[in-house]
PDB file of N, CA and C in Angstrom:
ATOM      1  N   MET A   1      17.901  49.051  22.737  1.00  0.00           N
ATOM      2  CA  MET A   1      18.469  49.200  24.069  1.00  0.00           C
ATOM      3  C   MET A   1      17.606  48.387  25.032  1.00  0.00           C
ATOM      4  N   SER A   2      18.228  47.608  25.885  1.00  0.00           N
ATOM      5  CA  SER A   2      17.484  46.807  26.853  1.00  0.00           C
ATOM      6  C   SER A   2      16.967  47.673  27.984  1.00  0.00           C
ATOM      7  N   ILE A   3      15.999  47.160  28.724  1.00  0.00           N
ATOM      8  CA  ILE A   3      15.462  47.896  29.865  1.00  0.00           C
ATOM      9  C   ILE A   3      16.573  48.186  30.865  1.00  0.00           C
ATOM     10  N   TYR A   4      17.453  47.220  31.067  1.00  0.00           N
ATOM     11  CA  TYR A   4      18.559  47.411  32.006  1.00  0.00           C
ATOM     12  C   TYR A   4      19.432  48.576  31.549  1.00  0.00           C
ATOM     13  N   ASP A   5      19.776  48.598  30.266  1.00  0.00           N
ATOM     14  CA  ASP A   5      20.612  49.677  29.733  1.00  0.00           C
ATOM     15  C   ASP A   5      19.924  51.034  29.863  1.00  0.00           C
ATOM     16  N   GLU A   6      18.619  51.054  29.575  1.00  0.00           N
ATOM     17  CA  GLU A   6      17.899  52.321  29.656  1.00  0.00           C
ATOM     18  C   GLU A   6      17.823  52.816  31.093  1.00  0.00           C
ATOM     19  N   LEU A   7      17.545  51.921  32.024  1.00  0.00           N
ATOM     20  CA  LEU A   7      17.483  52.329  33.425  1.00  0.00           C
ATOM     21  C   LEU A   7      18.858  52.768  33.930  1.00  0.00           C
ATOM     22  N   ARG A   8      19.902  52.057  33.526  1.00  0.00           N
ATOM     23  CA  ARG A   8      21.261  52.425  33.954  1.00  0.00           C
ATOM     24  C   ARG A   8      21.655  53.787  33.375  1.00  0.00           C
ATOM     25  N   LYS A   9      21.262  54.044  32.133  1.00  0.00           N
ATOM     26  CA  LYS A   9      21.600  55.303  31.475  1.00  0.00           C
ATOM     27  C   LYS A   9      21.013  56.488  32.250  1.00  0.00           C
ATOM     28  N   HIS A  10      19.830  56.306  32.791  1.00  0.00           N
ATOM     29  CA  HIS A  10      19.142  57.386  33.486  1.00  0.00           C
ATOM     30  C   HIS A  10      19.236  57.259  35.002  1.00  0.00           C
ATOM     31  N   CYS A  11      20.079  56.389  35.484  1.00  0.00           N
ATOM     32  CA  CYS A  11      20.135  56.062  36.911  1.00  0.00           C
ATOM     33  C   CYS A  11      20.250  57.287  37.805  1.00  0.00           C
ATOM     34  N   GLY A  12      21.201  58.123  37.552  1.00  0.00           N
ATOM     35  CA  GLY A  12      21.433  59.255  38.434  1.00  0.00           C
ATOM     36  C   GLY A  12      20.540  60.449  38.174  1.00  0.00           C
ATOM     37  N   GLU A  13      20.055  60.572  36.946  1.00  0.00           N
ATOM     38  CA  GLU A  13      19.315  61.781  36.578  1.00  0.00           C
ATOM     39  C   GLU A  13      17.802  61.592  36.498  1.00  0.00           C
ATOM     40  N   THR A  14      17.321  60.373  36.642  1.00  0.00           N
ATOM     41  CA  THR A  14      15.903  60.102  36.489  1.00  0.00           C
ATOM     42  C   THR A  14      15.288  59.759  37.830  1.00  0.00           C
ATOM     43  N   GLY A  15      14.133  60.333  38.070  1.00  0.00           N
ATOM     44  CA  GLY A  15      13.427  60.062  39.310  1.00  0.00           C
ATOM     45  C   GLY A  15      12.731  58.713  39.285  1.00  0.00           C
ATOM     46  N   ALA A  16      12.222  58.339  40.433  1.00  0.00           N
ATOM     47  CA  ALA A  16      11.565  57.041  40.579  1.00  0.00           C
ATOM     48  C   ALA A  16      10.350  56.911  39.662  1.00  0.00           C
ATOM     49  N   GLU A  17       9.588  57.989  39.498  1.00  0.00           N
ATOM     50  CA  GLU A  17       8.397  57.919  38.645  1.00  0.00           C
ATOM     51  C   GLU A  17       8.759  57.610  37.203  1.00  0.00           C
ATOM     52  N   GLN A  18       9.800  58.238  36.691  1.00  0.00           N
ATOM     53  CA  GLN A  18      10.221  57.990  35.313  1.00  0.00           C
ATOM     54  C   GLN A  18      10.729  56.562  35.166  1.00  0.00           C
ATOM     55  N   LYS A  19      11.464  56.078  36.155  1.00  0.00           N
ATOM     56  CA  LYS A  19      11.940  54.694  36.105  1.00  0.00           C
ATOM     57  C   LYS A  19      10.771  53.718  36.096  1.00  0.00           C
ATOM     58  N   LEU A  20       9.725  54.021  36.867  1.00  0.00           N
ATOM     59  CA  LEU A  20       8.540  53.159  36.871  1.00  0.00           C
ATOM     60  C   LEU A  20       7.839  53.193  35.518  1.00  0.00           C
ATOM     61  N   ARG A  21       7.806  54.359  34.867  1.00  0.00           N
ATOM     62  CA  ARG A  21       7.216  54.438  33.518  1.00  0.00           C
ATOM     63  C   ARG A  21       7.999  53.568  32.536  1.00  0.00           C
ATOM     64  N   ILE A  22       9.317  53.627  32.623  1.00  0.00           N
ATOM     65  CA  ILE A  22      10.160  52.803  31.748  1.00  0.00           C
ATOM     66  C   ILE A  22       9.907  51.327  32.041  1.00  0.00           C
ATOM     67  N   LEU A  23       9.888  50.981  33.307  1.00  0.00           N
ATOM     68  CA  LEU A  23       9.638  49.596  33.705  1.00  0.00           C
ATOM     69  C   LEU A  23       8.284  49.126  33.188  1.00  0.00           C
ATOM     70  N   ARG A  24       7.265  49.941  33.368  1.00  0.00           N
ATOM     71  CA  ARG A  24       5.921  49.585  32.899  1.00  0.00           C
ATOM     72  C   ARG A  24       5.909  49.356  31.396  1.00  0.00           C
ATOM     73  N   ARG A  25       6.500  50.273  30.651  1.00  0.00           N
ATOM     74  CA  ARG A  25       6.529  50.155  29.188  1.00  0.00           C
ATOM     75  C   ARG A  25       7.215  48.868  28.755  1.00  0.00           C
ATOM     76  N   GLU A  26       8.324  48.554  29.393  1.00  0.00           N
ATOM     77  CA  GLU A  26       9.084  47.377  29.010  1.00  0.00           C
ATOM     78  C   GLU A  26       8.420  46.069  29.437  1.00  0.00           C
ATOM     79  N   LEU A  27       7.715  46.077  30.551  1.00  0.00           N
ATOM     80  CA  LEU A  27       7.086  44.840  31.035  1.00  0.00           C
ATOM     81  C   LEU A  27       5.727  44.578  30.403  1.00  0.00           C
ATOM     82  N   LEU A  28       5.073  45.601  29.896  1.00  0.00           N
ATOM     83  CA  LEU A  28       3.767  45.384  29.279  1.00  0.00           C
ATOM     84  C   LEU A  28       3.847  44.467  28.064  1.00  0.00           C
ATOM     85  N   ARG A  29       4.894  44.604  27.269  1.00  0.00           N
ATOM     86  CA  ARG A  29       5.008  43.773  26.061  1.00  0.00           C
ATOM     87  C   ARG A  29       5.038  42.279  26.385  1.00  0.00           C
ATOM     88  N   PRO A  30       5.927  41.808  27.273  1.00  0.00           N
ATOM     89  CA  PRO A  30       5.918  40.372  27.550  1.00  0.00           C
ATOM     90  C   PRO A  30       4.642  39.911  28.266  1.00  0.00           C
ATOM     91  N   ILE A  31       4.053  40.762  29.086  1.00  0.00           N
ATOM     92  CA  ILE A  31       2.800  40.387  29.753  1.00  0.00           C
ATOM     93  C   ILE A  31       1.704  40.205  28.716  1.00  0.00           C
ATOM     94  N   LEU A  32       1.591  41.141  27.782  1.00  0.00           N
ATOM     95  CA  LEU A  32       0.588  41.022  26.732  1.00  0.00           C
ATOM     96  C   LEU A  32       0.854  39.809  25.849  1.00  0.00           C
ATOM     97  N   THR A  33       2.111  39.476  25.643  1.00  0.00           N
ATOM     98  CA  THR A  33       2.460  38.287  24.868  1.00  0.00           C
ATOM     99  C   THR A  33       1.961  37.027  25.565  1.00  0.00           C
ATOM    100  N   VAL A  34       2.165  36.932  26.874  1.00  0.00           N
ATOM    101  CA  VAL A  34       1.690  35.775  27.642  1.00  0.00           C
ATOM    102  C   VAL A  34       0.171  35.703  27.586  1.00  0.00           C
ATOM    103  N   GLN A  35      -0.499  36.831  27.769  1.00  0.00           N
ATOM    104  CA  GLN A  35      -1.957  36.845  27.744  1.00  0.00           C
ATOM    105  C   GLN A  35      -2.488  36.444  26.364  1.00  0.00           C
ATOM    106  N   THR A  36      -1.888  36.962  25.306  1.00  0.00           N
ATOM    107  CA  THR A  36      -2.323  36.639  23.948  1.00  0.00           C
ATOM    108  C   THR A  36      -2.056  35.178  23.621  1.00  0.00           C
ATOM    109  N   ALA A  37      -0.877  34.682  23.990  1.00  0.00           N
ATOM    110  CA  ALA A  37      -0.542  33.288  23.716  1.00  0.00           C
ATOM    111  C   ALA A  37      -1.504  32.342  24.431  1.00  0.00           C
ATOM    112  N   SER A  38      -1.835  32.632  25.674  1.00  0.00           N
ATOM    113  CA  SER A  38      -2.753  31.756  26.401  1.00  0.00           C
ATOM    114  C   SER A  38      -4.144  31.802  25.775  1.00  0.00           C
ATOM    115  N   ALA A  39      -4.582  32.970  25.329  1.00  0.00           N
ATOM    116  CA  ALA A  39      -5.886  33.081  24.676  1.00  0.00           C
ATOM    117  C   ALA A  39      -5.906  32.281  23.370  1.00  0.00           C
ATOM    118  N   LEU A  40      -4.832  32.341  22.606  1.00  0.00           N
ATOM    119  CA  LEU A  40      -4.756  31.570  21.363  1.00  0.00           C
ATOM    120  C   LEU A  40      -4.717  30.069  21.638  1.00  0.00           C
ATOM    121  N   LEU A  41      -3.959  29.667  22.643  1.00  0.00           N
ATOM    122  CA  LEU A  41      -3.863  28.246  22.977  1.00  0.00           C
ATOM    123  C   LEU A  41      -5.200  27.679  23.453  1.00  0.00           C
ATOM    124  N   LYS A  42      -6.009  28.509  24.108  1.00  0.00           N
ATOM    125  CA  LYS A  42      -7.328  28.049  24.553  1.00  0.00           C
ATOM    126  C   LYS A  42      -8.247  27.737  23.377  1.00  0.00           C
ATOM    127  N   GLN A  43      -7.947  28.278  22.219  1.00  0.00           N
ATOM    128  CA  GLN A  43      -8.784  28.069  21.035  1.00  0.00           C
ATOM    129  C   GLN A  43      -8.428  26.798  20.274  1.00  0.00           C
ATOM    130  N   ILE A  44      -7.388  26.115  20.693  1.00  0.00           N
ATOM    131  CA  ILE A  44      -6.976  24.888  20.007  1.00  0.00           C
ATOM    132  C   ILE A  44      -8.059  23.837  20.191  1.00  0.00           C
ATOM    133  N   ASP A  45      -8.432  23.196  19.107  1.00  0.00           N
ATOM    134  CA  ASP A  45      -9.507  22.201  19.206  1.00  0.00           C
ATOM    135  C   ASP A  45      -8.969  20.835  19.642  1.00  0.00           C
ATOM    136  N   ALA A  46      -9.875  19.958  19.950  1.00  0.00           N
ATOM    137  CA  ALA A  46      -9.544  18.635  20.499  1.00  0.00           C
ATOM    138  C   ALA A  46      -8.682  17.812  19.549  1.00  0.00           C
ATOM    139  N   GLU A  47      -8.849  18.001  18.245  1.00  0.00           N
ATOM    140  CA  GLU A  47      -8.062  17.226  17.278  1.00  0.00           C
ATOM    141  C   GLU A  47      -6.579  17.552  17.385  1.00  0.00           C
ATOM    142  N   VAL A  48      -6.261  18.801  17.591  1.00  0.00           N
ATOM    143  CA  VAL A  48      -4.863  19.211  17.722  1.00  0.00           C
ATOM    144  C   VAL A  48      -4.280  18.659  19.022  1.00  0.00           C
ATOM    145  N   VAL A  49      -5.067  18.720  20.102  1.00  0.00           N
ATOM    146  CA  VAL A  49      -4.614  18.235  21.396  1.00  0.00           C
ATOM    147  C   VAL A  49      -4.300  16.740  21.330  1.00  0.00           C
ATOM    148  N   LYS A  50      -5.039  16.000  20.493  1.00  0.00           N
ATOM    149  CA  LYS A  50      -4.768  14.563  20.336  1.00  0.00           C
ATOM    150  C   LYS A  50      -3.377  14.317  19.758  1.00  0.00           C
ATOM    151  N   GLY A  51      -2.822  15.313  19.077  1.00  0.00           N
ATOM    152  CA  GLY A  51      -1.506  15.187  18.470  1.00  0.00           C
ATOM    153  C   GLY A  51      -0.347  15.497  19.412  1.00  0.00           C
ATOM    154  N   LEU A  52      -0.648  15.760  20.686  1.00  0.00           N
ATOM    155  CA  LEU A  52       0.415  16.028  21.658  1.00  0.00           C
ATOM    156  C   LEU A  52       1.279  14.793  21.863  1.00  0.00           C
ATOM    157  N   PRO A  53       2.527  14.991  22.244  1.00  0.00           N
ATOM    158  CA  PRO A  53       3.370  13.824  22.564  1.00  0.00           C
ATOM    159  C   PRO A  53       2.718  12.987  23.669  1.00  0.00           C
ATOM    160  N   GLU A  54       3.033  11.722  23.690  1.00  0.00           N
ATOM    161  CA  GLU A  54       2.418  10.795  24.639  1.00  0.00           C
ATOM    162  C   GLU A  54       2.644  11.195  26.095  1.00  0.00           C
ATOM    163  N   ASN A  55       3.763  11.832  26.388  1.00  0.00           N
ATOM    164  CA  ASN A  55       4.073  12.188  27.775  1.00  0.00           C
ATOM    165  C   ASN A  55       3.331  13.443  28.253  1.00  0.00           C
ATOM    166  N   ILE A  56       2.516  14.046  27.388  1.00  0.00           N
ATOM    167  CA  ILE A  56       1.741  15.226  27.769  1.00  0.00           C
ATOM    168  C   ILE A  56       0.260  14.903  27.602  1.00  0.00           C
ATOM    169  N   SER A  57      -0.454  14.905  28.704  1.00  0.00           N
ATOM    170  CA  SER A  57      -1.888  14.612  28.645  1.00  0.00           C
ATOM    171  C   SER A  57      -2.662  15.872  28.279  1.00  0.00           C
ATOM    172  N   PRO A  58      -3.848  15.716  27.695  1.00  0.00           N
ATOM    173  CA  PRO A  58      -4.686  16.892  27.394  1.00  0.00           C
ATOM    174  C   PRO A  58      -5.014  17.707  28.648  1.00  0.00           C
ATOM    175  N   ASP A  59      -5.216  17.020  29.780  1.00  0.00           N
ATOM    176  CA  ASP A  59      -5.488  17.742  31.029  1.00  0.00           C
ATOM    177  C   ASP A  59      -4.296  18.580  31.452  1.00  0.00           C
ATOM    178  N   GLU A  60      -3.100  18.024  31.313  1.00  0.00           N
ATOM    179  CA  GLU A  60      -1.887  18.769  31.665  1.00  0.00           C
ATOM    180  C   GLU A  60      -1.720  19.980  30.745  1.00  0.00           C
ATOM    181  N   PHE A  61      -1.992  19.786  29.475  1.00  0.00           N
ATOM    182  CA  PHE A  61      -1.914  20.872  28.497  1.00  0.00           C
ATOM    183  C   PHE A  61      -2.886  21.993  28.884  1.00  0.00           C
ATOM    184  N   ASP A  62      -4.122  21.634  29.228  1.00  0.00           N
ATOM    185  CA  ASP A  62      -5.117  22.624  29.651  1.00  0.00           C
ATOM    186  C   ASP A  62      -4.677  23.356  30.913  1.00  0.00           C
ATOM    187  N   ARG A  63      -4.103  22.619  31.876  1.00  0.00           N
ATOM    188  CA  ARG A  63      -3.629  23.251  33.114  1.00  0.00           C
ATOM    189  C   ARG A  63      -2.550  24.284  32.824  1.00  0.00           C
ATOM    190  N   VAL A  64      -1.624  23.934  31.949  1.00  0.00           N
ATOM    191  CA  VAL A  64      -0.536  24.863  31.612  1.00  0.00           C
ATOM    192  C   VAL A  64      -1.104  26.124  30.956  1.00  0.00           C
ATOM    193  N   ILE A  65      -2.074  25.953  30.067  1.00  0.00           N
ATOM    194  CA  ILE A  65      -2.699  27.116  29.421  1.00  0.00           C
ATOM    195  C   ILE A  65      -3.376  27.988  30.468  1.00  0.00           C
ATOM    196  N   ASN A  66      -4.096  27.368  31.399  1.00  0.00           N
ATOM    197  CA  ASN A  66      -4.758  28.134  32.462  1.00  0.00           C
ATOM    198  C   ASN A  66      -3.740  28.837  33.342  1.00  0.00           C
ATOM    199  N   TRP A  67      -2.632  28.176  33.643  1.00  0.00           N
ATOM    200  CA  TRP A  67      -1.577  28.808  34.449  1.00  0.00           C
ATOM    201  C   TRP A  67      -0.996  30.008  33.725  1.00  0.00           C
ATOM    202  N   LEU A  68      -0.794  29.872  32.423  1.00  0.00           N
ATOM    203  CA  LEU A  68      -0.294  31.007  31.638  1.00  0.00           C
ATOM    204  C   LEU A  68      -1.269  32.180  31.696  1.00  0.00           C
ATOM    205  N   ALA A  69      -2.547  31.882  31.521  1.00  0.00           N
ATOM    206  CA  ALA A  69      -3.559  32.939  31.566  1.00  0.00           C
ATOM    207  C   ALA A  69      -3.574  33.611  32.939  1.00  0.00           C
ATOM    208  N   GLU A  70      -3.536  32.811  34.000  1.00  0.00           N
ATOM    209  CA  GLU A  70      -3.526  33.366  35.355  1.00  0.00           C
ATOM    210  C   GLU A  70      -2.260  34.173  35.611  1.00  0.00           C
ATOM    211  N   ALA A  71      -1.121  33.659  35.156  1.00  0.00           N
ATOM    212  CA  ALA A  71       0.147  34.365  35.358  1.00  0.00           C
ATOM    213  C   ALA A  71       0.137  35.708  34.637  1.00  0.00           C
ATOM    214  N   GLY A  72      -0.356  35.736  33.408  1.00  0.00           N
ATOM    215  CA  GLY A  72      -0.441  36.994  32.668  1.00  0.00           C
ATOM    216  C   GLY A  72      -1.318  38.004  33.379  1.00  0.00           C
ATOM    217  N   GLY A  73      -2.467  37.546  33.866  1.00  0.00           N
ATOM    218  CA  GLY A  73      -3.364  38.432  34.607  1.00  0.00           C
ATOM    219  C   GLY A  73      -2.751  38.919  35.907  1.00  0.00           C
ATOM    220  N   ASP A  74      -2.111  37.989  36.638  1.00  0.00           N
ATOM    221  CA  ASP A  74      -1.473  38.358  37.904  1.00  0.00           C
ATOM    222  C   ASP A  74      -0.356  39.373  37.687  1.00  0.00           C
ATOM    223  N   LEU A  75       0.480  39.129  36.687  1.00  0.00           N
ATOM    224  CA  LEU A  75       1.581  40.053  36.406  1.00  0.00           C
ATOM    225  C   LEU A  75       1.058  41.427  36.021  1.00  0.00           C
ATOM    226  N   LYS A  76      -0.012  41.478  35.238  1.00  0.00           N
ATOM    227  CA  LYS A  76      -0.601  42.765  34.835  1.00  0.00           C
ATOM    228  C   LYS A  76      -1.140  43.490  36.064  1.00  0.00           C
ATOM    229  N   GLU A  77      -1.820  42.775  36.956  1.00  0.00           N
ATOM    230  CA  GLU A  77      -2.342  43.403  38.168  1.00  0.00           C
ATOM    231  C   GLU A  77      -1.216  43.924  39.057  1.00  0.00           C
ATOM    232  N   ILE A  78      -0.147  43.149  39.199  1.00  0.00           N
ATOM    233  CA  ILE A  78       0.992  43.584  40.008  1.00  0.00           C
ATOM    234  C   ILE A  78       1.629  44.823  39.388  1.00  0.00           C
ATOM    235  N   LEU A  79       1.825  44.796  38.078  1.00  0.00           N
ATOM    236  CA  LEU A  79       2.416  45.948  37.398  1.00  0.00           C
ATOM    237  C   LEU A  79       1.541  47.185  37.570  1.00  0.00           C
ATOM    238  N   ASP A  80       0.229  47.017  37.413  1.00  0.00           N
ATOM    239  CA  ASP A  80      -0.681  48.145  37.605  1.00  0.00           C
ATOM    240  C   ASP A  80      -0.588  48.684  39.032  1.00  0.00           C
ATOM    241  N   ALA A  81      -0.579  47.781  39.998  1.00  0.00           N
ATOM    242  CA  ALA A  81      -0.527  48.208  41.399  1.00  0.00           C
ATOM    243  C   ALA A  81       0.759  48.970  41.707  1.00  0.00           C
ATOM    244  N   LEU A  82       1.844  48.583  41.082  1.00  0.00           N
ATOM    245  CA  LEU A  82       3.134  49.213  41.350  1.00  0.00           C
ATOM    246  C   LEU A  82       3.367  50.497  40.561  1.00  0.00           C
ATOM    247  N   THR A  83       2.710  50.632  39.420  1.00  0.00           N
ATOM    248  CA  THR A  83       3.080  51.736  38.540  1.00  0.00           C
ATOM    249  C   THR A  83       1.980  52.737  38.238  1.00  0.00           C
ATOM    250  N   LEU A  84       0.739  52.400  38.481  1.00  0.00           N
ATOM    251  CA  LEU A  84      -0.334  53.351  38.206  1.00  0.00           C
ATOM    252  C   LEU A  84      -0.582  54.206  39.433  1.00  0.00           C
ATOM    253  N   GLU A  85      -0.834  55.460  39.195  1.00  0.00           N
ATOM    254  CA  GLU A  85      -1.122  56.355  40.310  1.00  0.00           C
ATOM    255  C   GLU A  85      -2.512  56.046  40.841  1.00  0.00           C
ATOM    256  N   CYS A  86      -2.634  56.025  42.144  1.00  0.00           N
ATOM    257  CA  CYS A  86      -3.938  55.813  42.782  1.00  0.00           C
ATOM    258  C   CYS A  86      -4.630  57.160  42.894  1.00  0.00           C
ATOM    259  N   THR A  87      -5.799  57.257  42.320  1.00  0.00           N
ATOM    260  CA  THR A  87      -6.531  58.520  42.379  1.00  0.00           C
ATOM    261  C   THR A  87      -7.683  58.458  43.379  1.00  0.00           C
ATOM    262  N   ASP A  88      -8.114  57.260  43.706  1.00  0.00           N
ATOM    263  CA  ASP A  88      -9.228  57.092  44.653  1.00  0.00           C
ATOM    264  C   ASP A  88      -8.678  56.715  46.015  1.00  0.00           C
ATOM    265  N   THR A  89      -9.306  57.208  47.043  1.00  0.00           N
ATOM    266  CA  THR A  89      -8.948  56.835  48.399  1.00  0.00           C
ATOM    267  C   THR A  89      -9.588  55.485  48.697  1.00  0.00           C
ATOM    268  N   PRO A  90      -8.829  54.508  49.180  1.00  0.00           N
ATOM    269  CA  PRO A  90      -9.427  53.217  49.515  1.00  0.00           C
ATOM    270  C   PRO A  90     -10.575  53.387  50.502  1.00  0.00           C
ATOM    271  N   ALA A  91     -11.589  52.544  50.366  1.00  0.00           N
ATOM    272  CA  ALA A  91     -12.795  52.664  51.176  1.00  0.00           C
ATOM    273  C   ALA A  91     -12.507  52.611  52.655  1.00  0.00           C
ATOM    274  N   HIS A  92     -11.531  51.792  53.094  1.00  0.00           N
ATOM    275  CA  HIS A  92     -11.244  51.679  54.517  1.00  0.00           C
ATOM    276  C   HIS A  92     -10.592  52.923  55.099  1.00  0.00           C
ATOM    277  N   GLN A  93     -10.124  53.833  54.234  1.00  0.00           N
ATOM    278  CA  GLN A  93      -9.497  55.049  54.716  1.00  0.00           C
ATOM    279  C   GLN A  93     -10.448  56.254  54.704  1.00  0.00           C
ATOM    280  N   VAL A  94     -11.616  56.082  54.115  1.00  0.00           N
ATOM    281  CA  VAL A  94     -12.573  57.185  54.038  1.00  0.00           C
ATOM    282  C   VAL A  94     -13.217  57.355  55.396  1.00  0.00           C
ATOM    283  N   GLU A  95     -13.247  58.586  55.880  1.00  0.00           N
ATOM    284  CA  GLU A  95     -13.836  58.843  57.193  1.00  0.00           C
ATOM    285  C   GLU A  95     -15.087  59.676  57.058  1.00  0.00           C
TER     286      GLU A  95
END
């Protein structure tokens, strides 16, 4: 069942917290895939990079890997911010 189908199935009977749990569960897999793929690609040695097509430079390849790593981290942080309960009071709100 897709995330869309699961959310639609529970649309009327499920609260926002449960929907966020479903969303978190479904989004963690692709985020972890991006993070793992970028980590594996960073391990590619120079000999493999030399085998890239002529229209792709090693620098461009490295930039794309770094963008993937940053995107995976950013998406994980956004997901955490949206779905994890905050238990600590932010420092600027402490009186």
